[in-house]
């Protein structure tokens, strides 16, 4: 199983260890594109601070993120699973997984990023600020920029595995599974059971818990239909809609009673 996750906008501080080595990151087919985005971002943030803040969509209170981005090549790096924080990652709680579940996480989790394209949770990266919705002056919208390199690399990364797509729409724009891979892909919405409305905060927490449940149980569904059964066995209320045509993703709704 390959699980596609969004990053978190807020991130833990960079580590004190060795700095980033772009060539050491997973998915080496993305290295050249990563270097391009990294160079553009550092150059932007080393110039006019107000312009950088505007491009990155940062409030006055987040002004310090601009200076942080200027040091991306020299700042200490930590595993991405420690850098990304927030509701989904708090619920996932990678640090508390048992050794077997941590190995499964290292193999199966892929976090999408405006700066890196996508990384595994074991890849060592510095803390940064650059969402997929950013339009860098020299590259344009990052969601569009990443489509070509992702199309080259992601099908191979997926292999013949089930793809569980938990990304938000901004990050889903960077790669849309096609053909046979799409047929093995399942997207998930989290709905408030009584109202059938999408819930925002609880959506992230529930997705984090779903991933944790799959990792700790050791279940390995081979396709969307098997995933539905696995989630039901794990105690989730799931409604599934198989695609009308072959080569299209499945849509799964996970129903929750509590939205607090």
C-alpha atoms as a PDB file:
ATOM      1  CA  UNK A   1       0.000   0.000   0.000  1.00  0.00           C
ATOM      2  CA  UNK A   2       1.148   3.523  -0.828  1.00  0.00           C
ATOM      3  CA  UNK A   3      -0.429   6.272   1.288  1.00  0.00           C
ATOM      4  CA  UNK A   4      -0.366   9.834  -0.094  1.00  0.00           C
ATOM      5  CA  UNK A   5      -0.456  12.505   2.620  1.00  0.00           C
ATOM      6  CA  UNK A   6      -0.556  16.296   2.641  1.00  0.00           C
ATOM      7  CA  UNK A   7       2.163  18.056   4.644  1.00  0.00           C
ATOM      8  CA  UNK A   8       1.426  20.403   7.530  1.00  0.00           C
ATOM      9  CA  UNK A   9       1.781  24.152   7.091  1.00  0.00           C
ATOM     10  CA  UNK A  10       3.268  24.459  10.576  1.00  0.00           C
ATOM     11  CA  UNK A  11       6.451  22.498  11.113  1.00  0.00           C
ATOM     12  CA  UNK A  12       8.821  21.577  13.907  1.00  0.00           C
ATOM     13  CA  UNK A  13      12.167  23.348  14.099  1.00  0.00           C
ATOM     14  CA  UNK A  14      15.071  22.092  11.992  1.00  0.00           C
ATOM     15  CA  UNK A  15      17.472  19.712  13.675  1.00  0.00           C
ATOM     16  CA  UNK A  16      21.045  20.269  14.752  1.00  0.00           C
ATOM     17  CA  UNK A  17      22.498  17.482  12.662  1.00  0.00           C
ATOM     18  CA  UNK A  18      23.900  17.436   9.145  1.00  0.00           C
ATOM     19  CA  UNK A  19      22.230  19.762   6.625  1.00  0.00           C
ATOM     20  CA  UNK A  20      20.051  18.710   3.727  1.00  0.00           C
ATOM     21  CA  UNK A  21      21.492  16.453   1.029  1.00  0.00           C
ATOM     22  CA  UNK A  22      19.006  16.706  -1.849  1.00  0.00           C
ATOM     23  CA  UNK A  23      20.559  13.754  -3.645  1.00  0.00           C
ATOM     24  CA  UNK A  24      19.883  11.518  -0.622  1.00  0.00           C
ATOM     25  CA  UNK A  25      16.100  11.997  -0.674  1.00  0.00           C
ATOM     26  CA  UNK A  26      13.791   9.236  -1.867  1.00  0.00           C
ATOM     27  CA  UNK A  27      12.398   9.352  -5.409  1.00  0.00           C
ATOM     28  CA  UNK A  28      15.682  10.478  -7.001  1.00  0.00           C
ATOM     29  CA  UNK A  29      13.870  11.216 -10.248  1.00  0.00           C
ATOM     30  CA  UNK A  30      12.629  14.398  -8.535  1.00  0.00           C
ATOM     31  CA  UNK A  31      16.132  15.641  -7.598  1.00  0.00           C
ATOM     32  CA  UNK A  32      16.552  18.123 -10.467  1.00  0.00           C
ATOM     33  CA  UNK A  33      13.091  19.610  -9.925  1.00  0.00           C
ATOM     34  CA  UNK A  34      13.745  19.881  -6.178  1.00  0.00           C
ATOM     35  CA  UNK A  35      16.995  21.728  -6.786  1.00  0.00           C
ATOM     36  CA  UNK A  36      15.189  24.170  -9.068  1.00  0.00           C
ATOM     37  CA  UNK A  37      12.430  24.946  -6.564  1.00  0.00           C
ATOM     38  CA  UNK A  38      14.927  25.143  -3.687  1.00  0.00           C
ATOM     39  CA  UNK A  39      17.096  27.622  -5.594  1.00  0.00           C
ATOM     40  CA  UNK A  40      14.100  29.788  -6.518  1.00  0.00           C
ATOM     41  CA  UNK A  41      12.762  29.785  -2.965  1.00  0.00           C
ATOM     42  CA  UNK A  42      16.085  30.663  -1.325  1.00  0.00           C
ATOM     43  CA  UNK A  43      16.696  33.442  -3.861  1.00  0.00           C
ATOM     44  CA  UNK A  44      13.210  34.876  -3.297  1.00  0.00           C
ATOM     45  CA  UNK A  45      13.589  34.883   0.477  1.00  0.00           C
ATOM     46  CA  UNK A  46      17.108  36.332   0.397  1.00  0.00           C
ATOM     47  CA  UNK A  47      15.821  39.364  -1.532  1.00  0.00           C
ATOM     48  CA  UNK A  48      12.929  41.669  -0.728  1.00  0.00           C
ATOM     49  CA  UNK A  49      11.357  40.357   2.473  1.00  0.00           C
ATOM     50  CA  UNK A  50       7.974  41.978   1.845  1.00  0.00           C
ATOM     51  CA  UNK A  51       7.767  40.504  -1.640  1.00  0.00           C
ATOM     52  CA  UNK A  52       8.724  37.061  -0.313  1.00  0.00           C
ATOM     53  CA  UNK A  53       6.093  37.296   2.402  1.00  0.00           C
ATOM     54  CA  UNK A  54       3.468  38.235  -0.172  1.00  0.00           C
ATOM     55  CA  UNK A  55       4.416  35.427  -2.558  1.00  0.00           C
ATOM     56  CA  UNK A  56       4.404  32.850   0.244  1.00  0.00           C
ATOM     57  CA  UNK A  57       1.113  34.122   1.645  1.00  0.00           C
ATOM     58  CA  UNK A  58       2.536  34.750   5.123  1.00  0.00           C
ATOM     59  CA  UNK A  59       0.982  37.001   7.736  1.00  0.00           C
ATOM     60  CA  UNK A  60       2.991  39.598   9.639  1.00  0.00           C
ATOM     61  CA  UNK A  61       3.299  37.155  12.504  1.00  0.00           C
ATOM     62  CA  UNK A  62       5.016  34.632  10.241  1.00  0.00           C
ATOM     63  CA  UNK A  63       7.658  37.059   8.959  1.00  0.00           C
ATOM     64  CA  UNK A  64      10.379  34.876  10.504  1.00  0.00           C
ATOM     65  CA  UNK A  65       9.558  32.079   8.065  1.00  0.00           C
ATOM     66  CA  UNK A  66      11.133  34.122   5.265  1.00  0.00           C
ATOM     67  CA  UNK A  67      14.491  34.266   7.045  1.00  0.00           C
ATOM     68  CA  UNK A  68      14.232  30.546   7.820  1.00  0.00           C
ATOM     69  CA  UNK A  69      13.878  29.764   4.121  1.00  0.00           C
ATOM     70  CA  UNK A  70      17.153  31.561   3.329  1.00  0.00           C
ATOM     71  CA  UNK A  71      19.032  28.951   5.400  1.00  0.00           C
ATOM     72  CA  UNK A  72      17.544  25.817   3.862  1.00  0.00           C
ATOM     73  CA  UNK A  73      20.868  24.623   2.431  1.00  0.00           C
ATOM     74  CA  UNK A  74      22.709  24.927   5.751  1.00  0.00           C
ATOM     75  CA  UNK A  75      20.059  24.280   8.424  1.00  0.00           C
ATOM     76  CA  UNK A  76      20.118  20.963  10.224  1.00  0.00           C
ATOM     77  CA  UNK A  77      17.808  18.285   8.861  1.00  0.00           C
ATOM     78  CA  UNK A  78      15.476  15.849  10.618  1.00  0.00           C
ATOM     79  CA  UNK A  79      13.297  12.995   9.357  1.00  0.00           C
ATOM     80  CA  UNK A  80      10.247  14.409   7.602  1.00  0.00           C
ATOM     81  CA  UNK A  81       8.041  12.450   9.998  1.00  0.00           C
ATOM     82  CA  UNK A  82       9.405  14.654  12.784  1.00  0.00           C
ATOM     83  CA  UNK A  83       9.260  17.913  10.822  1.00  0.00           C
ATOM     84  CA  UNK A  84       5.579  17.698   9.887  1.00  0.00           C
ATOM     85  CA  UNK A  85       3.223  18.507  12.768  1.00  0.00           C
ATOM     86  CA  UNK A  86      -0.432  19.453  13.036  1.00  0.00           C
ATOM     87  CA  UNK A  87      -3.721  17.646  13.494  1.00  0.00           C
ATOM     88  CA  UNK A  88      -3.201  14.756  11.064  1.00  0.00           C
ATOM     89  CA  UNK A  89       0.334  14.045  12.265  1.00  0.00           C
ATOM     90  CA  UNK A  90      -0.633  14.331  15.929  1.00  0.00           C
ATOM     91  CA  UNK A  91      -3.295  11.666  15.362  1.00  0.00           C
ATOM     92  CA  UNK A  92      -0.878   9.513  13.369  1.00  0.00           C
ATOM     93  CA  UNK A  93       1.777   9.867  16.110  1.00  0.00           C
ATOM     94  CA  UNK A  94       4.617   8.176  14.237  1.00  0.00           C
ATOM     95  CA  UNK A  95       6.999   8.342  17.191  1.00  0.00           C
ATOM     96  CA  UNK A  96       4.859   6.011  19.301  1.00  0.00           C
ATOM     97  CA  UNK A  97       4.476   3.280  16.674  1.00  0.00           C
ATOM     98  CA  UNK A  98       6.024  -0.099  17.418  1.00  0.00           C
ATOM     99  CA  UNK A  99       9.100  -1.086  15.348  1.00  0.00           C
ATOM    100  CA  UNK A 100       7.123  -3.180  12.843  1.00  0.00           C
ATOM    101  CA  UNK A 101       4.609  -0.371  12.248  1.00  0.00           C
ATOM    102  CA  UNK A 102       7.444   2.146  11.838  1.00  0.00           C
ATOM    103  CA  UNK A 103       8.936  -0.030   9.106  1.00  0.00           C
ATOM    104  CA  UNK A 104       5.583  -0.158   7.359  1.00  0.00           C
ATOM    105  CA  UNK A 105       5.332   3.644   7.650  1.00  0.00           C
ATOM    106  CA  UNK A 106       8.770   4.064   6.078  1.00  0.00           C
ATOM    107  CA  UNK A 107       7.738   1.903   3.115  1.00  0.00           C
ATOM    108  CA  UNK A 108       4.215   3.155   2.574  1.00  0.00           C
ATOM    109  CA  UNK A 109       3.871   6.840   3.533  1.00  0.00           C
ATOM    110  CA  UNK A 110       4.589   9.574   0.991  1.00  0.00           C
ATOM    111  CA  UNK A 111       4.159  13.220   2.013  1.00  0.00           C
ATOM    112  CA  UNK A 112       3.546  15.728  -0.777  1.00  0.00           C
ATOM    113  CA  UNK A 113       5.309  19.095  -0.604  1.00  0.00           C
ATOM    114  CA  UNK A 114       5.467  22.338  -2.556  1.00  0.00           C
ATOM    115  CA  UNK A 115       9.247  22.374  -2.073  1.00  0.00           C
ATOM    116  CA  UNK A 116      10.260  18.708  -2.315  1.00  0.00           C
ATOM    117  CA  UNK A 117       7.505  17.295  -4.524  1.00  0.00           C
ATOM    118  CA  UNK A 118       7.097  14.253  -2.296  1.00  0.00           C
ATOM    119  CA  UNK A 119       9.222  12.682   0.438  1.00  0.00           C
ATOM    120  CA  UNK A 120       9.113   9.623   2.628  1.00  0.00           C
ATOM    121  CA  UNK A 121       8.805  10.126   6.389  1.00  0.00           C
ATOM    122  CA  UNK A 122      12.385   8.898   6.846  1.00  0.00           C
ATOM    123  CA  UNK A 123      13.885  11.481   4.445  1.00  0.00           C
ATOM    124  CA  UNK A 124      15.886  14.103   6.312  1.00  0.00           C
ATOM    125  CA  UNK A 125      14.745  17.654   5.510  1.00  0.00           C
ATOM    126  CA  UNK A 126      14.968  21.074   7.191  1.00  0.00           C
ATOM    127  CA  UNK A 127      11.946  23.002   8.392  1.00  0.00           C
ATOM    128  CA  UNK A 128      10.613  25.239   5.595  1.00  0.00           C
ATOM    129  CA  UNK A 129       7.635  27.272   4.448  1.00  0.00           C
ATOM    130  CA  UNK A 130       6.361  26.805   0.902  1.00  0.00           C
ATOM    131  CA  UNK A 131       2.895  25.449   0.198  1.00  0.00           C
ATOM    132  CA  UNK A 132       1.810  23.820  -3.053  1.00  0.00           C
ATOM    133  CA  UNK A 133      -0.422  26.840  -3.725  1.00  0.00           C
ATOM    134  CA  UNK A 134       2.557  29.214  -3.994  1.00  0.00           C
ATOM    135  CA  UNK A 135       3.421  30.830  -7.344  1.00  0.00           C
ATOM    136  CA  UNK A 136       7.180  31.400  -7.415  1.00  0.00           C
ATOM    137  CA  UNK A 137       8.236  34.284  -9.711  1.00  0.00           C
ATOM    138  CA  UNK A 138      10.443  32.139 -11.947  1.00  0.00           C
ATOM    139  CA  UNK A 139       8.379  28.929 -11.942  1.00  0.00           C
ATOM    140  CA  UNK A 140       4.735  29.860 -11.575  1.00  0.00           C
ATOM    141  CA  UNK A 141       2.235  27.749  -9.657  1.00  0.00           C
ATOM    142  CA  UNK A 142       3.991  24.875  -7.942  1.00  0.00           C
ATOM    143  CA  UNK A 143       1.021  22.528  -8.322  1.00  0.00           C
ATOM    144  CA  UNK A 144       1.389  22.809 -12.091  1.00  0.00           C
ATOM    145  CA  UNK A 145       5.201  22.785 -11.996  1.00  0.00           C
ATOM    146  CA  UNK A 146       5.327  19.410 -10.253  1.00  0.00           C
ATOM    147  CA  UNK A 147       2.948  17.600 -12.603  1.00  0.00           C
ATOM    148  CA  UNK A 148       5.501  16.570 -15.237  1.00  0.00           C
ATOM    149  CA  UNK A 149       8.196  15.233 -12.871  1.00  0.00           C
ATOM    150  CA  UNK A 150       5.581  13.529 -10.707  1.00  0.00           C
ATOM    151  CA  UNK A 151       4.038  11.842 -13.735  1.00  0.00           C
ATOM    152  CA  UNK A 152       7.450  10.325 -14.461  1.00  0.00           C
ATOM    153  CA  UNK A 153       8.204   9.135 -10.928  1.00  0.00           C
ATOM    154  CA  UNK A 154       4.990   8.341  -9.046  1.00  0.00           C
ATOM    155  CA  UNK A 155       3.658   5.436 -11.152  1.00  0.00           C
ATOM    156  CA  UNK A 156       6.891   3.544 -10.496  1.00  0.00           C
ATOM    157  CA  UNK A 157       6.713   4.386  -6.784  1.00  0.00           C
ATOM    158  CA  UNK A 158       3.164   3.050  -6.662  1.00  0.00           C
ATOM    159  CA  UNK A 159       4.114  -0.158  -8.457  1.00  0.00           C
ATOM    160  CA  UNK A 160       1.248  -2.642  -8.279  1.00  0.00           C
ATOM    161  CA  UNK A 161       0.120  -1.514  -4.828  1.00  0.00           C
ATOM    162  CA  UNK A 162      -3.115  -0.032  -3.573  1.00  0.00           C
ATOM    163  CA  UNK A 163      -2.880   3.791  -3.463  1.00  0.00           C
ATOM    164  CA  UNK A 164      -4.696   5.429  -0.551  1.00  0.00           C
ATOM    165  CA  UNK A 165      -4.976   9.118  -1.413  1.00  0.00           C
ATOM    166  CA  UNK A 166      -5.552  11.342   1.640  1.00  0.00           C
ATOM    167  CA  UNK A 167      -4.219  14.583   0.121  1.00  0.00           C
ATOM    168  CA  UNK A 168      -6.011  17.909   0.173  1.00  0.00           C
ATOM    169  CA  UNK A 169      -7.016  19.364  -3.198  1.00  0.00           C
ATOM    170  CA  UNK A 170      -3.988  21.678  -3.511  1.00  0.00           C
ATOM    171  CA  UNK A 171      -1.582  18.746  -3.215  1.00  0.00           C
ATOM    172  CA  UNK A 172      -3.714  16.385  -5.282  1.00  0.00           C
ATOM    173  CA  UNK A 173      -3.221  18.816  -8.181  1.00  0.00           C
ATOM    174  CA  UNK A 174       0.463  17.867  -8.387  1.00  0.00           C
ATOM    175  CA  UNK A 175      -0.259  14.257  -9.403  1.00  0.00           C
ATOM    176  CA  UNK A 176      -3.454  12.554 -10.480  1.00  0.00           C
ATOM    177  CA  UNK A 177      -3.205   8.763 -10.814  1.00  0.00           C
ATOM    178  CA  UNK A 178      -4.175   7.597 -14.270  1.00  0.00           C
ATOM    179  CA  UNK A 179      -5.076   4.369 -15.994  1.00  0.00           C
ATOM    180  CA  UNK A 180      -4.349   1.157 -14.147  1.00  0.00           C
ATOM    181  CA  UNK A 181      -2.889   2.999 -11.134  1.00  0.00           C
ATOM    182  CA  UNK A 182      -6.070   5.060 -10.819  1.00  0.00           C
ATOM    183  CA  UNK A 183      -8.080   1.844 -10.716  1.00  0.00           C
ATOM    184  CA  UNK A 184      -6.117   0.844  -7.615  1.00  0.00           C
ATOM    185  CA  UNK A 185      -6.569   4.240  -5.957  1.00  0.00           C
ATOM    186  CA  UNK A 186      -9.036   5.147  -3.217  1.00  0.00           C
ATOM    187  CA  UNK A 187      -9.774   8.703  -2.082  1.00  0.00           C
ATOM    188  CA  UNK A 188     -11.328   9.392   1.310  1.00  0.00           C
ATOM    189  CA  UNK A 189     -13.763  11.989   2.616  1.00  0.00           C
ATOM    190  CA  UNK A 190     -14.665  12.276   6.284  1.00  0.00           C
ATOM    191  CA  UNK A 191     -18.340  13.137   6.822  1.00  0.00           C
ATOM    192  CA  UNK A 192     -20.377  13.980   9.894  1.00  0.00           C
ATOM    193  CA  UNK A 193     -22.723  10.992   9.995  1.00  0.00           C
ATOM    194  CA  UNK A 194     -25.995  12.773  10.929  1.00  0.00           C
ATOM    195  CA  UNK A 195     -25.598  15.649   8.434  1.00  0.00           C
ATOM    196  CA  UNK A 196     -23.403  14.061   5.739  1.00  0.00           C
ATOM    197  CA  UNK A 197     -21.352  17.276   5.715  1.00  0.00           C
ATOM    198  CA  UNK A 198     -17.576  17.356   5.301  1.00  0.00           C
ATOM    199  CA  UNK A 199     -15.857  18.201   8.589  1.00  0.00           C
ATOM    200  CA  UNK A 200     -12.589  20.113   8.371  1.00  0.00           C
ATOM    201  CA  UNK A 201     -10.629  19.739  11.616  1.00  0.00           C
ATOM    202  CA  UNK A 202     -11.966  16.281  12.373  1.00  0.00           C
ATOM    203  CA  UNK A 203     -11.269  15.283   8.773  1.00  0.00           C
ATOM    204  CA  UNK A 204      -7.523  15.601   9.395  1.00  0.00           C
ATOM    205  CA  UNK A 205      -7.625  13.829  12.754  1.00  0.00           C
ATOM    206  CA  UNK A 206      -9.669  10.945  11.358  1.00  0.00           C
ATOM    207  CA  UNK A 207      -7.325  10.495   8.407  1.00  0.00           C
ATOM    208  CA  UNK A 208      -4.378  10.371  10.808  1.00  0.00           C
ATOM    209  CA  UNK A 209      -6.137   7.725  12.887  1.00  0.00           C
ATOM    210  CA  UNK A 210      -7.015   5.698   9.782  1.00  0.00           C
ATOM    211  CA  UNK A 211      -3.363   5.566   8.717  1.00  0.00           C
ATOM    212  CA  UNK A 212      -2.266   4.670  12.236  1.00  0.00           C
ATOM    213  CA  UNK A 213      -4.860   1.884  12.422  1.00  0.00           C
ATOM    214  CA  UNK A 214      -3.680   0.393   9.134  1.00  0.00           C
ATOM    215  CA  UNK A 215      -0.016   0.588  10.154  1.00  0.00           C
ATOM    216  CA  UNK A 216      -0.481  -0.919  13.620  1.00  0.00           C
ATOM    217  CA  UNK A 217      -2.794  -3.685  12.445  1.00  0.00           C
ATOM    218  CA  UNK A 218      -0.379  -4.764   9.742  1.00  0.00           C
ATOM    219  CA  UNK A 219      -3.242  -5.242   7.310  1.00  0.00           C
ATOM    220  CA  UNK A 220      -2.218  -5.101   3.657  1.00  0.00           C
ATOM    221  CA  UNK A 221      -5.251  -4.626   1.398  1.00  0.00           C
ATOM    222  CA  UNK A 222      -4.442  -5.230  -2.249  1.00  0.00           C
ATOM    223  CA  UNK A 223      -7.156  -3.018  -3.715  1.00  0.00           C
ATOM    224  CA  UNK A 224      -9.903  -0.539  -2.827  1.00  0.00           C
ATOM    225  CA  UNK A 225     -12.543  -3.207  -2.150  1.00  0.00           C
ATOM    226  CA  UNK A 226     -10.201  -4.959   0.287  1.00  0.00           C
ATOM    227  CA  UNK A 227      -9.430  -1.594   1.888  1.00  0.00           C
ATOM    228  CA  UNK A 228     -13.118  -1.008   2.574  1.00  0.00           C
ATOM    229  CA  UNK A 229     -13.364  -4.369   4.331  1.00  0.00           C
ATOM    230  CA  UNK A 230     -10.151  -3.736   6.281  1.00  0.00           C
ATOM    231  CA  UNK A 231     -11.391  -0.371   7.532  1.00  0.00           C
ATOM    232  CA  UNK A 232     -14.728  -1.847   8.564  1.00  0.00           C
ATOM    233  CA  UNK A 233     -12.901  -4.610  10.427  1.00  0.00           C
ATOM    234  CA  UNK A 234     -10.923  -1.886  12.215  1.00  0.00           C
ATOM    235  CA  UNK A 235     -14.148  -0.281  13.408  1.00  0.00           C
ATOM    236  CA  UNK A 236     -14.699   2.487  10.860  1.00  0.00           C
ATOM    237  CA  UNK A 237     -18.067   3.166   9.271  1.00  0.00           C
ATOM    238  CA  UNK A 238     -17.346   3.296   5.547  1.00  0.00           C
ATOM    239  CA  UNK A 239     -19.515   3.907   2.521  1.00  0.00           C
ATOM    240  CA  UNK A 240     -17.822   3.079  -0.763  1.00  0.00           C
ATOM    241  CA  UNK A 241     -18.588   3.964  -4.335  1.00  0.00           C
ATOM    242  CA  UNK A 242     -16.880   1.930  -7.025  1.00  0.00           C
ATOM    243  CA  UNK A 243     -16.102   3.913 -10.195  1.00  0.00           C
ATOM    244  CA  UNK A 244     -18.522   3.670 -13.090  1.00  0.00           C
ATOM    245  CA  UNK A 245     -15.612   3.171 -15.491  1.00  0.00           C
ATOM    246  CA  UNK A 246     -12.422   1.168 -15.239  1.00  0.00           C
ATOM    247  CA  UNK A 247      -9.286   3.195 -14.592  1.00  0.00           C
ATOM    248  CA  UNK A 248     -10.984   5.641 -12.216  1.00  0.00           C
ATOM    249  CA  UNK A 249     -10.375   5.994  -8.456  1.00  0.00           C
ATOM    250  CA  UNK A 250     -12.749   4.669  -5.847  1.00  0.00           C
ATOM    251  CA  UNK A 251     -14.471   7.160  -3.516  1.00  0.00           C
ATOM    252  CA  UNK A 252     -14.705   6.229   0.164  1.00  0.00           C
ATOM    253  CA  UNK A 253     -16.712   8.134   2.780  1.00  0.00           C
ATOM    254  CA  UNK A 254     -15.793   7.574   6.413  1.00  0.00           C
ATOM    255  CA  UNK A 255     -18.665   8.584   8.703  1.00  0.00           C
ATOM    256  CA  UNK A 256     -18.005  10.011  12.157  1.00  0.00           C
ATOM    257  CA  UNK A 257     -20.509  10.909  14.840  1.00  0.00           C
ATOM    258  CA  UNK A 258     -18.264  13.288  16.790  1.00  0.00           C
ATOM    259  CA  UNK A 259     -16.872  16.404  15.085  1.00  0.00           C
ATOM    260  CA  UNK A 260     -15.152  17.958  18.094  1.00  0.00           C
END
